[in-house]
Structure formats: structure tokens, C-alpha cells
Amino acid sequence: MSAFSRQFRSSLGEWWRERARANGSLGAASLLARELWAFLRDSTPARRRSRYGDMDYDWEQRVNTTSGAVGWRTRLLGIFHSPYQPTDPAEFRAMMAALPIDFGEFTFVDIGSGKGRALLLAAEYPFRKIIGVELLAELHRAAEENVTAWKARSGYAHAIEPLCMDARDYLFPDSPLVVYLFNPLPDFALRQVMRNLEASWQRAPRPIWLVYHNPLLESVVAESPILNKAAATPHGSVYRTN
């Protein structure tokens, strides 16, 4: 059995268990049918071309972060995790402007970092360190290539570290944090990441800011006992520790 087949079976199995528990077997089957139909629809030539509509940043920076060049296997796995979509640069900068912090004191962590666009955008700010956590190998390899090419061209000297792993297994560093989310996970996985973040803060209380772009699962973040909503932008919500 190929690595893709193993990952597909594992992802589908976990997704099915969680969705059947929440919605029943019929509800899970209906949702899966809708997701597969959307996958097939988005695989048509016209839809593939539309996914290249986010190319301006790539042309300017000479990188490959577009969603248009993502292989079908990774897109299929995205049904059970989160479909890849790169961050809009203007929206990212607007959310960073809502943070009243000294960036040099903070580590930036992007959960579900994809091809690394948010990591490169974070490098516009003097973060101590920039970390990306991505499960899907194709996206992670692209992020590594993008970071390497961008650093060579720009001369950027600070640490940018893309990691290929399940975000639920990631241990947050003990430094002050800016955690970035762009709907990277289904609700059951996001809850585990939030529990890990809370445990990290309880071990080492320090400032943590969470920036949630397009917060479709904001109710999950709002459950956290350590975070309060500090600001809202047209494209996201900002939370901070008490």
C-alpha cells in the first residue's frame, strides 16, 4: 500500500468517526457526498484555472504559494483536513496591524502553514522566530522550497522553520507567541490544538496572541479559558491571553 493510500485511509477513517459521532451515519454520508462532489467540480479545467487567481504575490516574490498548483492527492486529503488556500497579503497585514506588541519579543507560529505564504508575510515583521506546522507533505515541501528561495533572494537572516507534522502533536515553545490560524483544521482537531496551547500557557504563563483569519470555527477558539477577544478586523478576529 502506498504512503498516499495509507494516509487517505487514516484521514477518512478519523473524519468519518468524528462526523458520524456528531451528525450520525446518514449525516456523515451526506456531508462526504457533498465534499466529494465539490472536489470533482473543482477539478474541471475551468475551476483549475480559477485557482490561479492568487498569483500576484507569487509573481512579485518569485515563489510558488498559489493553490492552483496543488496536486489532486493533496486536494483530496484536504477534504478531511482543510482545503489549501493561501493568505491574502493585504488581509494579513491588516491583522498584524491590530497587534499592539513589540514583534521582536514574539515567535510567530502558523498552524496549517501550507506552502508557506504566511511565513513569508510574517518575515516582514521582526519576529524572533517564524514556525510553520503543516501535515501534508506536498505543501510542506513547497514551503521549504519557497522559504529557501525567498531567503536567498531577500537576504533575510532570521530563522524560518517549516515543520511537517500533525498540528495536534506540536509542542508550542515557551516564548511569547503570535499563533496564526486560517481555518487549518476541522473542529475536532482544532480543539486538540487549543488544549495543547492552553497546557503550554499553564506550564509557562506568557503573552499569547491568536490571530484567526476568516474565523469559521471561532466558537472553538472562544471556548478557551485562557483567551479573550481583543479585536476584530474585516477579515479576522484577534484573541489574547488574560
Foldseek 3Di string as FASTA:
>chain_A
DDPLVVLVVVLVVVLQVVCCVVPNNVRSVVLVVVLVVVLVVCPDPVNLVVQCPLCPVCVVQVADQTLSPDDSSVQVSCSSWNGDDDDDLVVLVVLVVLDPDQQCQEEEEEEACFLPPVVVSCLVHNHQEYEYEHADPVRLVNNVVRVVVNCVVPVRDHYYYYDHDQLLPDQDDLTEYEYEYASGGPLVSVLSNLVNVLVSCVVHPDKYKYKYFQCPPVVSVVPRPQWDWDDADPGTTMIIGD
